[in-house]
C-alpha atoms as a PDB file:
ATOM      1  CA  MET A   1       1.786 -16.906 -37.326  1.00  0.00           C
ATOM      2  CA  SER A   2       3.653 -15.879 -40.280  1.00  0.00           C
ATOM      3  CA  GLU A   3       6.450 -18.499 -41.746  1.00  0.00           C
ATOM      4  CA  ARG A   4       9.815 -17.724 -40.197  1.00  0.00           C
ATOM      5  CA  VAL A   5      13.488 -18.984 -40.497  1.00  0.00           C
ATOM      6  CA  VAL A   6      15.705 -18.505 -37.535  1.00  0.00           C
ATOM      7  CA  ILE A   7      19.639 -18.941 -38.492  1.00  0.00           C
ATOM      8  CA  VAL A   8      21.460 -19.875 -35.244  1.00  0.00           C
ATOM      9  CA  SER A   9      25.224 -19.207 -35.051  1.00  0.00           C
ATOM     10  CA  GLY A  10      28.018 -19.654 -32.932  1.00  0.00           C
ATOM     11  CA  PRO A  11      31.635 -20.543 -32.645  1.00  0.00           C
ATOM     12  CA  SER A  12      32.729 -24.283 -32.326  1.00  0.00           C
ATOM     13  CA  GLY A  13      32.028 -25.058 -28.280  1.00  0.00           C
ATOM     14  CA  ALA A  14      29.272 -22.810 -28.529  1.00  0.00           C
ATOM     15  CA  GLY A  15      26.981 -25.761 -28.377  1.00  0.00           C
ATOM     16  CA  LYS A  16      24.992 -25.761 -31.977  1.00  0.00           C
ATOM     17  CA  THR A  17      24.844 -29.430 -31.840  1.00  0.00           C
ATOM     18  CA  SER A  18      23.696 -29.912 -28.258  1.00  0.00           C
ATOM     19  CA  PHE A  19      20.828 -27.036 -29.358  1.00  0.00           C
ATOM     20  CA  GLY A  20      19.748 -29.486 -32.749  1.00  0.00           C
ATOM     21  CA  ASP A  21      19.933 -32.842 -30.503  1.00  0.00           C
ATOM     22  CA  PHE A  22      17.662 -30.761 -27.999  1.00  0.00           C
ATOM     23  CA  PHE A  23      15.302 -29.289 -30.346  1.00  0.00           C
ATOM     24  CA  LYS A  24      14.563 -32.402 -32.256  1.00  0.00           C
ATOM     25  CA  LYS A  25      13.518 -34.199 -28.612  1.00  0.00           C
ATOM     26  CA  LEU A  26      11.203 -31.412 -27.680  1.00  0.00           C
ATOM     27  CA  PRO A  27       7.724 -33.530 -27.023  1.00  0.00           C
ATOM     28  CA  GLY A  28       5.199 -32.348 -28.926  1.00  0.00           C
ATOM     29  CA  ALA A  29       7.091 -30.690 -31.853  1.00  0.00           C
ATOM     30  CA  GLU A  30       8.735 -32.710 -34.584  1.00  0.00           C
ATOM     31  CA  TRP A  31      12.293 -31.009 -35.391  1.00  0.00           C
ATOM     32  CA  VAL A  32      14.805 -32.488 -37.658  1.00  0.00           C
ATOM     33  CA  HIS A  33      18.745 -31.831 -37.149  1.00  0.00           C
ATOM     34  CA  PHE A  34      20.465 -31.680 -40.275  1.00  0.00           C
ATOM     35  CA  ASP A  35      23.847 -32.126 -39.062  1.00  0.00           C
ATOM     36  CA  THR A  36      26.426 -31.052 -41.763  1.00  0.00           C
ATOM     37  CA  ASP A  37      29.756 -31.599 -39.486  1.00  0.00           C
ATOM     38  CA  VAL A  38      28.548 -35.439 -40.297  1.00  0.00           C
ATOM     39  CA  TYR A  39      27.538 -34.633 -44.017  1.00  0.00           C
ATOM     40  CA  VAL A  40      31.052 -33.151 -44.725  1.00  0.00           C
ATOM     41  CA  TYR A  41      32.572 -36.387 -43.441  1.00  0.00           C
ATOM     42  CA  GLY A  42      30.672 -38.900 -45.560  1.00  0.00           C
ATOM     43  CA  GLY A  43      27.852 -39.760 -42.713  1.00  0.00           C
ATOM     44  CA  ASP A  44      24.028 -39.440 -42.938  1.00  0.00           C
ATOM     45  CA  PRO A  45      23.364 -35.832 -41.902  1.00  0.00           C
ATOM     46  CA  ILE A  46      19.804 -36.672 -40.348  1.00  0.00           C
ATOM     47  CA  GLU A  47      20.104 -40.252 -39.482  1.00  0.00           C
ATOM     48  CA  GLN A  48      23.481 -39.597 -37.888  1.00  0.00           C
ATOM     49  CA  SER A  49      22.959 -36.156 -36.543  1.00  0.00           C
ATOM     50  CA  GLY A  50      25.086 -35.478 -33.479  1.00  0.00           C
ATOM     51  CA  LEU A  51      27.401 -38.222 -34.169  1.00  0.00           C
ATOM     52  CA  VAL A  52      31.558 -37.364 -34.000  1.00  0.00           C
ATOM     53  CA  PRO A  53      32.558 -38.261 -37.158  1.00  0.00           C
ATOM     54  CA  THR A  54      34.023 -41.610 -36.806  1.00  0.00           C
ATOM     55  CA  LYS A  55      37.472 -42.925 -39.004  1.00  0.00           C
ATOM     56  CA  GLU A  56      34.963 -45.179 -40.711  1.00  0.00           C
ATOM     57  CA  MET A  57      32.388 -42.613 -41.685  1.00  0.00           C
ATOM     58  CA  LYS A  58      35.501 -40.346 -43.077  1.00  0.00           C
ATOM     59  CA  GLU A  59      36.674 -42.624 -45.390  1.00  0.00           C
ATOM     60  CA  THR A  60      33.524 -42.775 -47.214  1.00  0.00           C
ATOM     61  CA  VAL A  61      33.269 -39.169 -48.140  1.00  0.00           C
ATOM     62  CA  ARG A  62      33.338 -38.669 -51.904  1.00  0.00           C
ATOM     63  CA  PRO A  63      36.517 -37.459 -53.530  1.00  0.00           C
ATOM     64  CA  GLU A  64      34.852 -33.950 -55.112  1.00  0.00           C
ATOM     65  CA  LEU A  65      33.092 -33.098 -51.524  1.00  0.00           C
ATOM     66  CA  LYS A  66      36.406 -34.525 -49.957  1.00  0.00           C
ATOM     67  CA  GLU A  67      38.167 -31.373 -52.285  1.00  0.00           C
ATOM     68  CA  ALA A  68      35.657 -28.849 -51.435  1.00  0.00           C
ATOM     69  CA  TYR A  69      35.338 -29.312 -47.570  1.00  0.00           C
ATOM     70  CA  GLY A  70      39.412 -29.340 -47.572  1.00  0.00           C
ATOM     71  CA  ALA A  71      39.038 -25.691 -49.346  1.00  0.00           C
ATOM     72  CA  VAL A  72      37.116 -24.398 -46.580  1.00  0.00           C
ATOM     73  CA  LEU A  73      39.238 -25.452 -43.960  1.00  0.00           C
ATOM     74  CA  GLU A  74      42.321 -24.176 -45.745  1.00  0.00           C
ATOM     75  CA  ARG A  75      41.265 -21.011 -47.337  1.00  0.00           C
ATOM     76  CA  GLY A  76      38.192 -20.385 -45.414  1.00  0.00           C
ATOM     77  CA  PHE A  77      38.284 -21.218 -41.666  1.00  0.00           C
ATOM     78  CA  GLY A  78      42.113 -21.892 -42.331  1.00  0.00           C
ATOM     79  CA  ARG A  79      42.431 -17.862 -42.730  1.00  0.00           C
ATOM     80  CA  LEU A  80      40.184 -17.161 -40.161  1.00  0.00           C
ATOM     81  CA  PHE A  81      41.858 -18.767 -37.689  1.00  0.00           C
ATOM     82  CA  GLN A  82      44.991 -16.787 -38.469  1.00  0.00           C
ATOM     83  CA  ASN A  83      43.102 -13.545 -38.815  1.00  0.00           C
ATOM     84  CA  GLN A  84      42.985 -13.306 -42.148  1.00  0.00           C
ATOM     85  CA  GLU A  85      40.122 -12.829 -44.562  1.00  0.00           C
ATOM     86  CA  SER A  86      38.524 -15.802 -45.709  1.00  0.00           C
ATOM     87  CA  ASP A  87      37.742 -16.871 -49.300  1.00  0.00           C
ATOM     88  CA  PRO A  88      34.000 -16.672 -49.407  1.00  0.00           C
ATOM     89  CA  VAL A  89      34.100 -18.893 -52.957  1.00  0.00           C
ATOM     90  CA  VAL A  90      35.047 -21.924 -50.836  1.00  0.00           C
ATOM     91  CA  PHE A  91      32.135 -21.788 -48.863  1.00  0.00           C
ATOM     92  CA  HIS A  92      29.826 -20.982 -51.598  1.00  0.00           C
ATOM     93  CA  ARG A  93      30.851 -24.171 -53.576  1.00  0.00           C
ATOM     94  CA  LEU A  94      30.628 -26.543 -50.707  1.00  0.00           C
ATOM     95  CA  TYR A  95      26.894 -25.513 -49.524  1.00  0.00           C
ATOM     96  CA  ASP A  96      25.952 -24.951 -53.531  1.00  0.00           C
ATOM     97  CA  MET A  97      27.028 -28.761 -53.739  1.00  0.00           C
ATOM     98  CA  LEU A  98      25.090 -29.827 -50.440  1.00  0.00           C
ATOM     99  CA  ALA A  99      22.212 -28.227 -51.778  1.00  0.00           C
ATOM    100  CA  GLU A 100      22.470 -29.806 -54.807  1.00  0.00           C
ATOM    101  CA  ASP A 101      23.023 -33.502 -53.577  1.00  0.00           C
ATOM    102  CA  PRO A 102      21.111 -35.873 -55.291  1.00  0.00           C
ATOM    103  CA  GLN A 103      21.187 -38.397 -52.296  1.00  0.00           C
ATOM    104  CA  LEU A 104      19.817 -35.858 -49.959  1.00  0.00           C
ATOM    105  CA  PHE A 105      16.983 -33.878 -51.938  1.00  0.00           C
ATOM    106  CA  HIS A 106      16.957 -34.140 -55.415  1.00  0.00           C
ATOM    107  CA  SER A 107      14.930 -36.652 -57.520  1.00  0.00           C
ATOM    108  CA  HIS A 108      11.224 -37.363 -59.313  1.00  0.00           C
ATOM    109  CA  VAL A 109       9.346 -39.446 -56.792  1.00  0.00           C
ATOM    110  CA  VAL A 110       6.690 -38.189 -54.863  1.00  0.00           C
ATOM    111  CA  LEU A 111       7.175 -39.110 -51.403  1.00  0.00           C
ATOM    112  CA  ARG A 112       3.475 -39.945 -50.738  1.00  0.00           C
ATOM    113  CA  THR A 113       4.163 -41.380 -47.192  1.00  0.00           C
ATOM    114  CA  LEU A 114       5.213 -37.787 -45.821  1.00  0.00           C
ATOM    115  CA  THR A 115       2.341 -36.313 -47.083  1.00  0.00           C
ATOM    116  CA  GLU A 116      -0.780 -38.676 -46.969  1.00  0.00           C
ATOM    117  CA  GLY A 117      -3.965 -37.039 -46.752  1.00  0.00           C
ATOM    118  CA  HIS A 118      -2.313 -33.652 -47.407  1.00  0.00           C
ATOM    119  CA  GLY A 119      -1.712 -33.898 -51.053  1.00  0.00           C
ATOM    120  CA  ASP A 120       1.242 -34.843 -53.267  1.00  0.00           C
ATOM    121  CA  HIS A 121       3.899 -32.250 -51.625  1.00  0.00           C
ATOM    122  CA  CYS A 122       7.165 -33.404 -52.716  1.00  0.00           C
ATOM    123  CA  ILE A 123      10.533 -32.466 -51.082  1.00  0.00           C
ATOM    124  CA  GLY A 124      12.730 -34.837 -52.820  1.00  0.00           C
ATOM    125  CA  THR A 125      14.016 -37.967 -53.231  1.00  0.00           C
ATOM    126  CA  ARG A 126      16.627 -40.305 -54.227  1.00  0.00           C
ATOM    127  CA  SER A 127      16.148 -42.021 -57.620  1.00  0.00           C
ATOM    128  CA  SER A 128      15.511 -45.331 -55.733  1.00  0.00           C
ATOM    129  CA  GLY A 129      12.406 -43.958 -54.346  1.00  0.00           C
ATOM    130  CA  THR A 130      13.916 -43.635 -51.003  1.00  0.00           C
ATOM    131  CA  LEU A 131      15.491 -40.021 -49.326  1.00  0.00           C
ATOM    132  CA  ARG A 132      18.622 -41.209 -47.150  1.00  0.00           C
ATOM    133  CA  GLY A 133      17.800 -39.752 -43.747  1.00  0.00           C
ATOM    134  CA  LEU A 134      15.162 -37.357 -44.362  1.00  0.00           C
ATOM    135  CA  HIS A 135      12.488 -40.352 -45.218  1.00  0.00           C
ATOM    136  CA  PHE A 136      13.703 -41.611 -42.126  1.00  0.00           C
ATOM    137  CA  CYS A 137      13.266 -38.524 -39.888  1.00  0.00           C
ATOM    138  CA  LEU A 138      10.239 -37.108 -41.812  1.00  0.00           C
ATOM    139  CA  HIS A 139       8.212 -40.024 -42.365  1.00  0.00           C
ATOM    140  CA  ASP A 140       6.081 -39.225 -39.045  1.00  0.00           C
ATOM    141  CA  LEU A 141       5.825 -35.434 -39.474  1.00  0.00           C
ATOM    142  CA  SER A 142       2.464 -33.709 -40.228  1.00  0.00           C
ATOM    143  CA  ILE A 143       2.121 -30.905 -42.861  1.00  0.00           C
ATOM    144  CA  GLN A 144       2.047 -28.822 -39.493  1.00  0.00           C
ATOM    145  CA  SER A 145       5.126 -29.478 -38.506  1.00  0.00           C
ATOM    146  CA  ASN A 146       6.970 -26.816 -36.767  1.00  0.00           C
ATOM    147  CA  VAL A 147      11.161 -26.737 -37.302  1.00  0.00           C
ATOM    148  CA  VAL A 148      13.611 -28.139 -38.949  1.00  0.00           C
ATOM    149  CA  VAL A 149      16.904 -27.486 -37.497  1.00  0.00           C
ATOM    150  CA  LEU A 150      19.960 -27.613 -39.953  1.00  0.00           C
ATOM    151  CA  THR A 151      23.514 -27.617 -38.308  1.00  0.00           C
ATOM    152  CA  THR A 152      26.772 -26.857 -40.388  1.00  0.00           C
ATOM    153  CA  GLN A 153      30.185 -25.228 -40.212  1.00  0.00           C
ATOM    154  CA  GLY A 154      30.619 -22.378 -42.308  1.00  0.00           C
ATOM    155  CA  SER A 155      28.852 -19.695 -44.230  1.00  0.00           C
ATOM    156  CA  ILE A 156      25.967 -20.871 -47.037  1.00  0.00           C
ATOM    157  CA  LYS A 157      25.505 -19.149 -50.580  1.00  0.00           C
ATOM    158  CA  LYS A 158      22.074 -21.306 -51.558  1.00  0.00           C
ATOM    159  CA  PHE A 159      19.771 -22.731 -49.094  1.00  0.00           C
ATOM    160  CA  ASP A 160      16.933 -21.579 -50.725  1.00  0.00           C
ATOM    161  CA  TRP A 161      16.265 -24.390 -52.916  1.00  0.00           C
ATOM    162  CA  LEU A 162      15.647 -26.593 -49.683  1.00  0.00           C
ATOM    163  CA  LEU A 163      13.980 -24.083 -47.821  1.00  0.00           C
ATOM    164  CA  LYS A 164      11.482 -23.258 -50.439  1.00  0.00           C
ATOM    165  CA  LYS A 165      10.408 -26.886 -50.664  1.00  0.00           C
ATOM    166  CA  LEU A 166      10.461 -27.207 -46.556  1.00  0.00           C
ATOM    167  CA  VAL A 167       8.832 -24.121 -46.259  1.00  0.00           C
ATOM    168  CA  LYS A 168       6.595 -23.394 -49.628  1.00  0.00           C
ATOM    169  CA  GLN A 169       5.589 -27.048 -50.417  1.00  0.00           C
ATOM    170  CA  ARG A 170       5.419 -29.004 -46.680  1.00  0.00           C
ATOM    171  CA  GLY A 171       3.602 -25.826 -44.894  1.00  0.00           C
ATOM    172  CA  LEU A 172       6.517 -25.337 -42.495  1.00  0.00           C
ATOM    173  CA  LYS A 173       6.069 -22.694 -40.320  1.00  0.00           C
ATOM    174  CA  ASN A 174       9.156 -22.113 -38.812  1.00  0.00           C
ATOM    175  CA  VAL A 175      12.704 -23.477 -39.884  1.00  0.00           C
ATOM    176  CA  MET A 176      15.957 -23.236 -38.078  1.00  0.00           C
ATOM    177  CA  LEU A 177      19.197 -23.227 -39.200  1.00  0.00           C
ATOM    178  CA  THR A 178      22.120 -23.773 -36.896  1.00  0.00           C
ATOM    179  CA  HIS A 179      25.337 -22.684 -38.580  1.00  0.00           C
ATOM    180  CA  SER A 180      29.158 -21.716 -37.531  1.00  0.00           C
ATOM    181  CA  ILE A 181      29.002 -18.610 -39.794  1.00  0.00           C
ATOM    182  CA  PHE A 182      31.930 -16.554 -38.593  1.00  0.00           C
ATOM    183  CA  GLU A 183      31.552 -13.346 -40.579  1.00  0.00           C
ATOM    184  CA  PRO A 184      28.577 -10.429 -40.283  1.00  0.00           C
ATOM    185  CA  ARG A 185      28.883 -10.537 -43.896  1.00  0.00           C
ATOM    186  CA  ILE A 186      27.998 -13.886 -44.502  1.00  0.00           C
ATOM    187  CA  ARG A 187      25.122 -13.979 -42.066  1.00  0.00           C
ATOM    188  CA  CYS A 188      23.447 -11.036 -44.098  1.00  0.00           C
ATOM    189  CA  PHE A 189      24.096 -12.438 -47.485  1.00  0.00           C
ATOM    190  CA  LEU A 190      22.390 -15.365 -46.217  1.00  0.00           C
ATOM    191  CA  ARG A 191      19.385 -13.901 -44.407  1.00  0.00           C
ATOM    192  CA  GLU A 192      19.315 -11.660 -47.549  1.00  0.00           C
ATOM    193  CA  THR A 193      19.302 -14.358 -49.543  1.00  0.00           C
ATOM    194  CA  VAL A 194      16.732 -16.809 -47.858  1.00  0.00           C
ATOM    195  CA  GLY A 195      14.423 -13.816 -47.073  1.00  0.00           C
ATOM    196  CA  LYS A 196      14.575 -12.933 -51.014  1.00  0.00           C
ATOM    197  CA  SER A 197      13.744 -16.657 -52.046  1.00  0.00           C
ATOM    198  CA  LEU A 198      11.087 -16.980 -50.155  1.00  0.00           C
ATOM    199  CA  GLY A 199       9.553 -13.912 -50.608  1.00  0.00           C
ATOM    200  CA  ASP A 200       6.778 -11.952 -48.472  1.00  0.00           C
ATOM    201  CA  GLY A 201       5.555 -13.075 -45.350  1.00  0.00           C
ATOM    202  CA  VAL A 202       8.200 -15.046 -44.335  1.00  0.00           C
ATOM    203  CA  ALA A 203      10.659 -13.412 -41.368  1.00  0.00           C
ATOM    204  CA  VAL A 204      14.624 -14.408 -41.383  1.00  0.00           C
ATOM    205  CA  LYS A 205      15.968 -13.930 -38.073  1.00  0.00           C
ATOM    206  CA  VAL A 206      19.596 -14.778 -36.787  1.00  0.00           C
ATOM    207  CA  VAL A 207      20.656 -15.673 -33.627  1.00  0.00           C
ATOM    208  CA  VAL A 208      24.430 -15.041 -32.614  1.00  0.00           C
ATOM    209  CA  ILE A 209      25.378 -17.282 -29.725  1.00  0.00           C
ATOM    210  CA  ASN A 210      28.947 -16.463 -28.214  1.00  0.00           C
ATOM    211  CA  ALA A 211      30.602 -18.432 -26.110  1.00  0.00           C
ATOM    212  CA  ALA A 212      34.195 -17.082 -24.532  1.00  0.00           C
ATOM    213  CA  PRO A 213      37.046 -19.194 -25.561  1.00  0.00           C
ATOM    214  CA  SER A 214      38.080 -20.482 -22.328  1.00  0.00           C
ATOM    215  CA  MET A 215      34.104 -21.644 -21.878  1.00  0.00           C
ATOM    216  CA  ALA A 216      34.441 -22.851 -25.401  1.00  0.00           C
ATOM    217  CA  THR A 217      37.597 -24.966 -24.898  1.00  0.00           C
ATOM    218  CA  THR A 218      36.326 -26.289 -21.859  1.00  0.00           C
ATOM    219  CA  ARG A 219      33.266 -27.793 -23.469  1.00  0.00           C
ATOM    220  CA  LYS A 220      35.082 -28.966 -26.651  1.00  0.00           C
ATOM    221  CA  MET A 221      37.572 -30.715 -24.357  1.00  0.00           C
ATOM    222  CA  ALA A 222      35.158 -32.526 -21.914  1.00  0.00           C
ATOM    223  CA  GLN A 223      33.467 -33.728 -24.827  1.00  0.00           C
ATOM    224  CA  ALA A 224      36.321 -35.159 -26.260  1.00  0.00           C
ATOM    225  CA  GLU A 225      37.225 -36.946 -22.951  1.00  0.00           C
ATOM    226  CA  GLY A 226      33.791 -38.311 -22.339  1.00  0.00           C
ATOM    227  CA  LEU A 227      33.726 -39.913 -25.599  1.00  0.00           C
ATOM    228  CA  ALA A 228      37.080 -41.496 -24.899  1.00  0.00           C
ATOM    229  CA  ALA A 229      36.123 -42.657 -21.703  1.00  0.00           C
ATOM    230  CA  ALA A 230      33.018 -43.868 -22.856  1.00  0.00           C
ATOM    231  CA  GLU A 231      34.871 -46.014 -25.197  1.00  0.00           C
ATOM    232  CA  GLY A 232      37.543 -47.150 -22.312  1.00  0.00           C
ATOM    233  CA  LYS A 233      40.457 -45.526 -23.976  1.00  0.00           C
ATOM    234  CA  SER A 234      42.905 -42.925 -23.464  1.00  0.00           C
ATOM    235  CA  LEU A 235      42.454 -39.556 -25.297  1.00  0.00           C
ATOM    236  CA  PHE A 236      45.574 -40.313 -27.387  1.00  0.00           C
ATOM    237  CA  ASP A 237      44.037 -43.541 -28.333  1.00  0.00           C
ATOM    238  CA  TRP A 238      40.497 -42.246 -29.322  1.00  0.00           C
ATOM    239  CA  LEU A 239      41.949 -39.260 -31.378  1.00  0.00           C
ATOM    240  CA  VAL A 240      43.944 -41.960 -33.531  1.00  0.00           C
ATOM    241  CA  SER A 241      40.905 -44.305 -33.807  1.00  0.00           C
ATOM    242  CA  MET A 242      39.166 -41.195 -34.964  1.00  0.00           C
ATOM    243  CA  GLY A 243      41.444 -40.893 -37.679  1.00  0.00           C
ATOM    244  CA  GLU A 244      43.467 -37.824 -36.040  1.00  0.00           C
ATOM    245  CA  LYS A 245      46.863 -37.522 -35.458  1.00  0.00           C
ATOM    246  CA  GLY A 246      48.019 -38.393 -32.113  1.00  0.00           C
ATOM    247  CA  GLN A 247      48.106 -35.308 -30.087  1.00  0.00           C
ATOM    248  CA  THR A 248      48.814 -34.519 -26.441  1.00  0.00           C
ATOM    249  CA  LEU A 249      46.436 -32.883 -24.171  1.00  0.00           C
ATOM    250  CA  GLU A 250      48.197 -29.941 -24.416  1.00  0.00           C
ATOM    251  CA  GLU A 251      48.049 -29.813 -28.297  1.00  0.00           C
ATOM    252  CA  LEU A 252      44.305 -30.329 -28.294  1.00  0.00           C
ATOM    253  CA  THR A 253      43.682 -27.709 -25.868  1.00  0.00           C
ATOM    254  CA  LYS A 254      45.669 -25.259 -28.156  1.00  0.00           C
ATOM    255  CA  PHE A 255      43.802 -26.019 -31.070  1.00  0.00           C
ATOM    256  CA  HIS A 256      40.269 -25.358 -29.228  1.00  0.00           C
ATOM    257  CA  SER A 257      41.567 -22.570 -28.524  1.00  0.00           C
ATOM    258  CA  THR A 258      42.347 -21.081 -31.437  1.00  0.00           C
ATOM    259  CA  VAL A 259      38.981 -22.655 -33.365  1.00  0.00           C
ATOM    260  CA  ARG A 260      37.100 -19.574 -32.550  1.00  0.00           C
ATOM    261  CA  THR A 261      39.791 -16.919 -33.752  1.00  0.00           C
ATOM    262  CA  GLY A 262      37.777 -14.681 -36.577  1.00  0.00           C
ATOM    263  CA  PHE A 263      34.453 -14.926 -35.119  1.00  0.00           C
ATOM    264  CA  CYS A 264      32.909 -11.742 -35.371  1.00  0.00           C
ATOM    265  CA  PRO A 265      31.749 -10.060 -32.921  1.00  0.00           C
ATOM    266  CA  ALA A 266      33.164 -10.724 -29.688  1.00  0.00           C
ATOM    267  CA  SER A 267      30.172 -10.073 -27.798  1.00  0.00           C
ATOM    268  CA  ALA A 268      26.203  -9.395 -28.049  1.00  0.00           C
ATOM    269  CA  ALA A 269      26.692  -5.700 -27.474  1.00  0.00           C
ATOM    270  CA  GLU A 270      28.736  -5.356 -30.726  1.00  0.00           C
ATOM    271  CA  ILE A 271      26.346  -6.810 -33.022  1.00  0.00           C
ATOM    272  CA  SER A 272      25.230  -4.103 -35.623  1.00  0.00           C
ATOM    273  CA  GLU A 273      23.348  -6.652 -38.086  1.00  0.00           C
ATOM    274  CA  GLY A 274      19.617  -5.934 -38.262  1.00  0.00           C
ATOM    275  CA  HIS A 275      16.820  -8.771 -36.911  1.00  0.00           C
ATOM    276  CA  THR A 276      19.574 -10.372 -35.146  1.00  0.00           C
ATOM    277  CA  LEU A 277      19.570 -11.783 -31.539  1.00  0.00           C
ATOM    278  CA  GLY A 278      23.058 -11.959 -29.243  1.00  0.00           C
ATOM    279  CA  ILE A 279      23.589 -14.066 -26.649  1.00  0.00           C
ATOM    280  CA  ASP A 280      26.522 -14.129 -24.687  1.00  0.00           C
ATOM    281  CA  LEU A 281      26.960 -17.884 -23.161  1.00  0.00           C
ATOM    282  CA  GLN A 282      27.567 -18.137 -19.357  1.00  0.00           C
ATOM    283  CA  GLU A 283      28.215 -21.016 -17.335  1.00  0.00           C
ATOM    284  CA  SER A 284      25.293 -21.008 -15.462  1.00  0.00           C
ATOM    285  CA  MET A 285      23.068 -20.767 -18.927  1.00  0.00           C
ATOM    286  CA  THR A 286      21.270 -24.415 -19.957  1.00  0.00           C
ATOM    287  CA  VAL A 287      20.222 -25.004 -23.023  1.00  0.00           C
ATOM    288  CA  GLU A 288      16.697 -25.154 -21.921  1.00  0.00           C
ATOM    289  CA  TYR A 289      17.530 -21.597 -21.032  1.00  0.00           C
ATOM    290  CA  VAL A 290      19.148 -20.185 -23.831  1.00  0.00           C
ATOM    291  CA  ALA A 291      15.995 -22.159 -26.022  1.00  0.00           C
ATOM    292  CA  GLN A 292      13.372 -20.613 -24.145  1.00  0.00           C
ATOM    293  CA  ARG A 293      15.487 -17.357 -24.708  1.00  0.00           C
ATOM    294  CA  ILE A 294      15.234 -17.439 -28.328  1.00  0.00           C
ATOM    295  CA  MET A 295      11.582 -18.115 -28.288  1.00  0.00           C
ATOM    296  CA  GLU A 296      10.584 -15.576 -26.231  1.00  0.00           C
ATOM    297  CA  TRP A 297      12.508 -13.286 -28.736  1.00  0.00           C
ATOM    298  CA  LEU A 298      10.616 -14.892 -31.600  1.00  0.00           C
ATOM    299  CA  LYS A 299       6.930 -13.970 -29.985  1.00  0.00           C
ATOM    300  CA  PRO A 300       5.507 -10.958 -31.622  1.00  0.00           C
ATOM    301  CA  SER A 301       4.721  -9.277 -28.456  1.00  0.00           C
ATOM    302  CA  SER A 302       7.974  -9.262 -27.463  1.00  0.00           C
ATOM    303  CA  ASN A 303      10.249  -8.826 -30.886  1.00  0.00           C
ATOM    304  CA  THR A 304      10.096  -5.262 -31.240  1.00  0.00           C
ATOM    305  CA  SER A 305      13.961  -5.051 -30.944  1.00  0.00           C
ATOM    306  CA  ASP A 306      16.695  -6.997 -33.026  1.00  0.00           C
ATOM    307  CA  THR A 307      19.317  -7.371 -30.325  1.00  0.00           C
END
């Protein structure tokens, strides 16, 4: 089987985090969910993947990371939400920072516990000889592990350094990145950049999950209300405890109704990007159904069409 990188994109509320958690829990295959939503708010993106960033977590964000993500919110997503053109530089800066974070990927110590019996394949460590999150989640992975899931918000300039190590040095066959990449130009740029970086024999594909605004808003609201109820708090008190300003239900609903503004295209039928599968999410579609559809599309026998 040829090596593949699959980029899964979708607006807020499309279920990207749910997909990441679902994939990493599949029996018989080791998946790593790298949650950049957690990363940009100061948490461990692998050990704490799938968690809603807490007030305490946000207080640990490094100043340079806080500044970089603030620029993304202001000149990236903020502009898109107002139907304006985003500034790609802010996305590039944030994800260059992520790709080069010494706490995540860079150092000089070989993790022999990851590769015992398979040679000295180094995918990076911290100076202390441990790898925050990655060591915890990958120590049981074999050299034949299937998929790595990376979740994030935004576009990416340079994950090629990480992907080279995961695909080339670790021998991984399939890598899945889940990102809320709003713009086709950024998705194409990412696909082409990753493809050139990894070289011949690595197929780079994109899956765009599109959720109707009302559906995405309902999902996000249900998530917030469920988390508040689990802690025995009102939605207002829970938002305050998470470090957010007190918001009414109407204000929160309005916010989640706008955070998909600028996501393109509006439907799978409008996708013109190559090597891309579009899925218009419906209420009746389960995570299992969509995951199966993606896997079927990736099969060589059925992957004759890009949309």
